[in-house]
């Protein structure tokens, strides 16, 4: 049985780190809103098609290359979860995000759990 742990930290970012955090939040919001608008017009597109379309969106918008790519993938996953909640659980239709709504993002932190061999 795997045990999952969550950690909560208080951050004191420097000026450059604040800029990067704000860029990341803005790019996540942009991707979420872009694909929400896209899905309003095109029904029947699944999550995998959106993930395949993400590199093309990065080519069109160069500023998306400045942030962590996993944040953008999680934005698509969050949108798909919102649509799943709408269709299955009958919650409200997904809304566009803005600067004044709750802002957060996730990223994956993969650490190497393999033990090093001693020589």
N, C-alpha and C. Protein backbone atom coordinates (compact mmCIF):
# COMPACT_ATOMS: atom_id res chain seq x y z
N UNK A 1 0.84 -1.18 0.00
CA UNK A 1 0.00 0.00 0.00
C UNK A 1 0.88 1.24 0.00
N UNK A 2 0.59 2.13 -0.93
CA UNK A 2 1.37 3.36 -1.03
C UNK A 2 0.81 4.41 -0.09
N UNK A 3 1.70 5.18 0.48
CA UNK A 3 1.30 6.28 1.35
C UNK A 3 1.65 7.58 0.64
N UNK A 4 0.65 8.44 0.49
CA UNK A 4 0.86 9.73 -0.14
C UNK A 4 0.96 10.79 0.95
N UNK A 5 1.90 11.68 0.78
CA UNK A 5 2.08 12.74 1.75
C UNK A 5 1.94 14.08 1.04
N UNK A 6 1.37 15.00 1.74
CA UNK A 6 1.25 16.36 1.22
C UNK A 6 1.97 17.30 2.17
N UNK A 7 2.64 18.25 1.61
CA UNK A 7 3.36 19.23 2.40
C UNK A 7 2.84 20.61 2.06
N UNK A 8 2.74 21.44 3.05
CA UNK A 8 2.29 22.81 2.84
C UNK A 8 3.43 23.72 3.30
N UNK A 9 3.81 24.65 2.41
CA UNK A 9 4.93 25.53 2.69
C UNK A 9 4.50 26.98 2.59
N UNK A 10 5.15 27.81 3.35
CA UNK A 10 5.01 29.25 3.22
C UNK A 10 6.21 29.72 2.41
N UNK A 11 5.95 30.41 1.32
CA UNK A 11 7.03 30.85 0.44
C UNK A 11 7.33 32.33 0.64
N UNK A 12 8.58 32.66 0.54
CA UNK A 12 9.03 34.04 0.55
C UNK A 12 9.86 34.24 -0.72
N UNK A 13 9.19 34.42 -1.86
CA UNK A 13 9.92 34.48 -3.12
C UNK A 13 10.66 35.80 -3.31
N UNK A 14 11.73 35.72 -4.08
CA UNK A 14 12.46 36.92 -4.47
C UNK A 14 11.70 37.62 -5.60
N UNK A 15 12.19 38.73 -6.04
CA UNK A 15 11.52 39.47 -7.11
C UNK A 15 11.41 38.68 -8.40
N UNK A 16 12.49 38.00 -8.79
CA UNK A 16 12.47 37.19 -10.02
C UNK A 16 11.53 36.00 -9.88
N UNK A 17 11.48 35.42 -8.69
CA UNK A 17 10.60 34.28 -8.48
C UNK A 17 9.14 34.71 -8.50
N UNK A 18 8.84 35.90 -7.99
CA UNK A 18 7.47 36.42 -8.05
C UNK A 18 7.02 36.59 -9.50
N UNK A 19 7.93 37.09 -10.33
CA UNK A 19 7.61 37.28 -11.74
C UNK A 19 7.33 35.93 -12.40
N UNK A 20 8.16 34.92 -12.11
CA UNK A 20 7.96 33.60 -12.70
C UNK A 20 6.65 32.96 -12.21
N UNK A 21 6.32 33.14 -10.95
CA UNK A 21 5.06 32.59 -10.42
C UNK A 21 3.88 33.26 -11.11
N UNK A 22 3.93 34.58 -11.28
CA UNK A 22 2.84 35.28 -11.95
C UNK A 22 2.73 34.89 -13.42
N UNK A 23 3.87 34.68 -14.09
CA UNK A 23 3.84 34.20 -15.48
C UNK A 23 3.20 32.82 -15.56
N UNK A 24 3.56 31.96 -14.62
CA UNK A 24 3.02 30.61 -14.61
C UNK A 24 1.51 30.63 -14.40
N UNK A 25 1.05 31.45 -13.45
CA UNK A 25 -0.39 31.56 -13.21
C UNK A 25 -1.11 32.09 -14.44
N UNK A 26 -0.52 33.08 -15.10
CA UNK A 26 -1.14 33.65 -16.30
C UNK A 26 -1.19 32.67 -17.45
N UNK A 27 -0.13 31.89 -17.64
CA UNK A 27 -0.11 30.91 -18.72
C UNK A 27 -1.10 29.78 -18.47
N UNK A 28 -1.22 29.36 -17.21
CA UNK A 28 -2.19 28.32 -16.87
C UNK A 28 -3.60 28.82 -17.16
N UNK A 29 -3.88 30.05 -16.77
CA UNK A 29 -5.19 30.65 -17.01
C UNK A 29 -5.46 30.80 -18.50
N UNK A 30 -4.44 31.17 -19.27
CA UNK A 30 -4.58 31.34 -20.71
C UNK A 30 -4.93 30.00 -21.38
N UNK A 31 -4.21 28.94 -21.02
CA UNK A 31 -4.45 27.62 -21.62
C UNK A 31 -5.85 27.12 -21.25
N UNK A 32 -6.23 27.28 -20.00
CA UNK A 32 -7.56 26.85 -19.55
C UNK A 32 -8.64 27.58 -20.33
N UNK A 33 -8.54 28.89 -20.41
CA UNK A 33 -9.56 29.68 -21.11
C UNK A 33 -9.56 29.43 -22.61
N UNK A 34 -8.38 29.23 -23.19
CA UNK A 34 -8.29 28.96 -24.63
C UNK A 34 -9.03 27.67 -24.98
N UNK A 35 -8.76 26.61 -24.23
CA UNK A 35 -9.40 25.34 -24.54
C UNK A 35 -10.86 25.30 -24.12
N UNK A 36 -11.24 26.08 -23.11
CA UNK A 36 -12.66 26.18 -22.77
C UNK A 36 -13.42 26.82 -23.92
N UNK A 37 -12.87 27.88 -24.48
CA UNK A 37 -13.49 28.52 -25.64
C UNK A 37 -13.51 27.58 -26.84
N UNK A 38 -12.46 26.81 -27.03
CA UNK A 38 -12.37 25.85 -28.13
C UNK A 38 -13.42 24.74 -27.97
N UNK A 39 -13.62 24.28 -26.73
CA UNK A 39 -14.57 23.19 -26.50
C UNK A 39 -16.02 23.67 -26.56
N UNK A 40 -16.25 24.96 -26.40
CA UNK A 40 -17.61 25.46 -26.57
C UNK A 40 -18.06 25.30 -28.02
N UNK A 41 -17.11 25.46 -28.95
CA UNK A 41 -17.42 25.35 -30.37
C UNK A 41 -17.34 23.91 -30.89
N UNK A 42 -16.43 23.12 -30.35
CA UNK A 42 -16.18 21.76 -30.84
C UNK A 42 -16.48 20.76 -29.74
N UNK A 43 -17.55 20.03 -29.89
CA UNK A 43 -17.90 19.00 -28.92
C UNK A 43 -17.26 17.69 -29.33
N UNK A 44 -17.11 16.80 -28.37
CA UNK A 44 -16.63 15.46 -28.66
C UNK A 44 -15.13 15.34 -28.78
N UNK A 45 -14.38 16.31 -28.29
CA UNK A 45 -12.92 16.22 -28.32
C UNK A 45 -12.46 15.80 -26.93
N UNK A 46 -11.60 14.80 -26.88
CA UNK A 46 -11.18 14.29 -25.57
C UNK A 46 -9.88 14.92 -25.11
N UNK A 47 -9.49 14.55 -23.92
CA UNK A 47 -8.32 15.12 -23.26
C UNK A 47 -7.05 14.87 -24.05
N UNK A 48 -6.92 13.70 -24.64
CA UNK A 48 -5.70 13.36 -25.36
C UNK A 48 -5.51 14.22 -26.61
N UNK A 49 -6.61 14.55 -27.27
CA UNK A 49 -6.51 15.44 -28.42
C UNK A 49 -6.05 16.84 -28.00
N UNK A 50 -6.50 17.28 -26.85
CA UNK A 50 -6.08 18.59 -26.36
C UNK A 50 -4.60 18.59 -26.00
N UNK A 51 -4.13 17.50 -25.40
CA UNK A 51 -2.71 17.39 -25.08
C UNK A 51 -1.86 17.36 -26.34
N UNK A 52 -2.37 16.72 -27.40
CA UNK A 52 -1.62 16.68 -28.65
C UNK A 52 -1.60 18.06 -29.32
N UNK A 53 -2.61 18.89 -29.06
CA UNK A 53 -2.69 20.21 -29.66
C UNK A 53 -1.84 21.24 -28.90
N UNK A 54 -1.40 20.91 -27.70
CA UNK A 54 -0.65 21.87 -26.88
C UNK A 54 0.66 22.34 -27.51
N UNK A 55 1.48 21.49 -28.15
CA UNK A 55 2.69 22.00 -28.80
C UNK A 55 2.40 23.03 -29.91
N UNK A 56 1.30 22.84 -30.63
CA UNK A 56 0.93 23.82 -31.66
C UNK A 56 0.57 25.16 -31.03
N UNK A 57 -0.11 25.10 -29.89
CA UNK A 57 -0.46 26.33 -29.18
C UNK A 57 0.79 27.03 -28.66
N UNK A 58 1.78 26.25 -28.25
CA UNK A 58 3.04 26.83 -27.79
C UNK A 58 3.79 27.52 -28.93
N UNK A 59 3.70 26.95 -30.13
CA UNK A 59 4.35 27.57 -31.28
C UNK A 59 3.69 28.90 -31.64
N UNK A 60 2.37 28.97 -31.51
CA UNK A 60 1.65 30.20 -31.82
C UNK A 60 1.88 31.27 -30.75
N UNK A 61 2.05 30.86 -29.51
CA UNK A 61 2.22 31.79 -28.39
C UNK A 61 3.54 31.47 -27.69
N UNK A 62 4.57 32.23 -28.01
CA UNK A 62 5.92 31.95 -27.52
C UNK A 62 6.04 32.06 -26.01
N UNK A 63 5.21 32.87 -25.38
CA UNK A 63 5.33 33.08 -23.93
C UNK A 63 4.99 31.81 -23.14
N UNK A 64 4.32 30.85 -23.76
CA UNK A 64 4.00 29.60 -23.08
C UNK A 64 5.23 28.72 -22.88
N UNK A 65 6.28 28.99 -23.63
CA UNK A 65 7.51 28.21 -23.51
C UNK A 65 8.34 28.61 -22.31
N UNK A 66 8.00 29.73 -21.66
CA UNK A 66 8.79 30.22 -20.54
C UNK A 66 8.46 29.53 -19.23
N UNK A 67 7.35 28.80 -19.17
CA UNK A 67 6.92 28.20 -17.91
C UNK A 67 7.02 26.68 -17.99
N UNK A 68 6.82 26.03 -16.86
CA UNK A 68 6.89 24.58 -16.76
C UNK A 68 5.77 23.95 -17.58
N UNK A 69 6.10 22.97 -18.39
CA UNK A 69 5.11 22.36 -19.28
C UNK A 69 4.08 21.52 -18.53
N UNK A 70 4.45 20.99 -17.37
CA UNK A 70 3.49 20.17 -16.64
C UNK A 70 2.34 21.01 -16.10
N UNK A 71 2.59 22.28 -15.83
CA UNK A 71 1.52 23.17 -15.37
C UNK A 71 0.46 23.32 -16.46
N UNK A 72 0.91 23.43 -17.71
CA UNK A 72 -0.03 23.56 -18.82
C UNK A 72 -0.82 22.27 -19.04
N UNK A 73 -0.17 21.13 -18.85
CA UNK A 73 -0.88 19.85 -18.97
C UNK A 73 -1.91 19.69 -17.85
N UNK A 74 -1.55 20.13 -16.65
CA UNK A 74 -2.51 20.06 -15.55
C UNK A 74 -3.68 21.01 -15.76
N UNK A 75 -3.47 22.11 -16.47
CA UNK A 75 -4.58 23.02 -16.78
C UNK A 75 -5.60 22.32 -17.68
N UNK A 76 -5.11 21.55 -18.65
CA UNK A 76 -6.01 20.78 -19.51
C UNK A 76 -6.74 19.71 -18.70
N UNK A 77 -6.01 19.05 -17.81
CA UNK A 77 -6.64 18.03 -16.97
C UNK A 77 -7.71 18.63 -16.07
N UNK A 78 -7.45 19.82 -15.53
CA UNK A 78 -8.44 20.50 -14.68
C UNK A 78 -9.69 20.85 -15.48
N UNK A 79 -9.50 21.28 -16.72
CA UNK A 79 -10.64 21.60 -17.57
C UNK A 79 -11.45 20.35 -17.88
N UNK A 80 -10.79 19.26 -18.16
CA UNK A 80 -11.49 18.01 -18.45
C UNK A 80 -12.23 17.51 -17.21
N UNK A 81 -11.64 17.70 -16.04
CA UNK A 81 -12.32 17.32 -14.81
C UNK A 81 -13.56 18.19 -14.60
N UNK A 82 -13.47 19.47 -14.92
CA UNK A 82 -14.62 20.37 -14.78
C UNK A 82 -15.75 19.94 -15.72
N UNK A 83 -15.41 19.54 -16.95
CA UNK A 83 -16.44 19.06 -17.88
C UNK A 83 -17.01 17.73 -17.41
N UNK A 84 -16.16 16.87 -16.86
CA UNK A 84 -16.65 15.60 -16.34
C UNK A 84 -17.62 15.84 -15.18
N UNK A 85 -17.31 16.77 -14.31
CA UNK A 85 -18.22 17.11 -13.21
C UNK A 85 -19.53 17.66 -13.74
N UNK A 86 -19.45 18.41 -14.83
CA UNK A 86 -20.66 19.00 -15.42
C UNK A 86 -21.57 17.91 -15.99
N UNK A 87 -20.97 16.97 -16.72
CA UNK A 87 -21.80 15.95 -17.38
C UNK A 87 -22.21 14.82 -16.43
N UNK A 88 -21.34 14.42 -15.54
CA UNK A 88 -21.63 13.26 -14.69
C UNK A 88 -22.31 13.68 -13.38
N UNK A 89 -21.74 14.66 -12.70
CA UNK A 89 -22.25 15.04 -11.39
C UNK A 89 -23.26 16.19 -11.45
N UNK A 90 -23.52 16.68 -12.63
CA UNK A 90 -24.49 17.76 -12.85
C UNK A 90 -24.15 19.03 -12.08
N UNK A 91 -22.86 19.33 -12.02
CA UNK A 91 -22.43 20.61 -11.45
C UNK A 91 -22.52 21.66 -12.53
N UNK A 92 -22.20 22.90 -12.21
CA UNK A 92 -22.30 23.99 -13.18
C UNK A 92 -21.32 23.87 -14.33
N UNK A 93 -21.68 24.53 -15.45
CA UNK A 93 -20.82 24.54 -16.63
C UNK A 93 -19.50 25.25 -16.27
N UNK A 94 -18.37 24.76 -16.77
CA UNK A 94 -17.08 25.40 -16.46
C UNK A 94 -17.06 26.87 -16.86
N UNK A 95 -16.46 27.67 -16.01
CA UNK A 95 -16.39 29.11 -16.24
C UNK A 95 -14.98 29.52 -16.60
N UNK A 96 -14.88 30.65 -17.29
CA UNK A 96 -13.58 31.20 -17.62
C UNK A 96 -12.90 31.70 -16.36
N UNK A 97 -11.58 31.53 -16.31
CA UNK A 97 -10.79 31.99 -15.17
C UNK A 97 -10.36 33.43 -15.42
N UNK A 98 -10.23 34.20 -14.34
CA UNK A 98 -9.68 35.55 -14.46
C UNK A 98 -8.67 35.78 -13.35
N UNK A 99 -8.05 36.95 -13.36
CA UNK A 99 -7.01 37.24 -12.37
C UNK A 99 -7.55 37.28 -10.96
N UNK A 100 -8.83 37.53 -10.80
CA UNK A 100 -9.39 37.75 -9.48
C UNK A 100 -9.98 36.50 -8.86
N UNK A 101 -10.04 35.41 -9.61
CA UNK A 101 -10.51 34.14 -9.04
C UNK A 101 -9.34 33.50 -8.29
N UNK A 102 -9.62 32.42 -7.60
CA UNK A 102 -8.58 31.73 -6.84
C UNK A 102 -7.49 31.26 -7.80
N UNK A 103 -6.25 31.63 -7.51
CA UNK A 103 -5.15 31.29 -8.39
C UNK A 103 -4.24 30.27 -7.71
N UNK A 104 -4.05 29.16 -8.37
CA UNK A 104 -3.13 28.15 -7.88
C UNK A 104 -2.70 27.31 -9.07
N UNK A 105 -1.61 26.61 -8.90
CA UNK A 105 -1.18 25.68 -9.94
C UNK A 105 -0.45 24.51 -9.29
N UNK A 106 -0.42 23.41 -10.02
CA UNK A 106 0.28 22.21 -9.59
C UNK A 106 1.40 21.93 -10.57
N UNK A 107 2.42 21.34 -10.07
CA UNK A 107 3.49 20.86 -10.91
C UNK A 107 3.93 19.50 -10.37
N UNK A 108 4.59 18.74 -11.16
CA UNK A 108 5.01 17.42 -10.67
C UNK A 108 6.46 17.50 -10.22
N UNK A 109 6.68 16.95 -9.08
CA UNK A 109 8.03 16.88 -8.53
C UNK A 109 8.41 15.42 -8.49
N UNK A 110 9.21 15.01 -9.43
CA UNK A 110 9.60 13.61 -9.52
C UNK A 110 10.99 13.48 -8.93
N UNK A 111 11.08 12.67 -7.93
CA UNK A 111 12.40 12.46 -7.35
C UNK A 111 12.85 11.04 -7.62
N UNK A 112 14.11 10.87 -7.66
CA UNK A 112 14.68 9.57 -7.94
C UNK A 112 14.67 8.76 -6.65
N UNK A 113 13.90 7.69 -6.63
CA UNK A 113 13.79 6.87 -5.42
C UNK A 113 14.69 5.65 -5.45
N UNK A 114 15.40 5.47 -6.55
CA UNK A 114 16.32 4.33 -6.63
C UNK A 114 17.54 4.60 -5.75
N UNK A 115 17.98 3.55 -5.09
CA UNK A 115 19.14 3.68 -4.24
C UNK A 115 20.40 3.68 -5.10
N UNK A 116 21.34 4.49 -4.69
CA UNK A 116 22.61 4.54 -5.42
C UNK A 116 23.46 3.33 -5.06
N UNK A 117 24.15 2.84 -6.05
CA UNK A 117 25.05 1.71 -5.81
C UNK A 117 26.37 2.24 -5.32
N UNK A 118 26.88 1.60 -4.31
CA UNK A 118 28.20 1.98 -3.80
C UNK A 118 29.26 1.19 -4.54
N UNK A 119 30.32 1.84 -4.81
CA UNK A 119 31.42 1.19 -5.54
C UNK A 119 32.50 0.76 -4.57
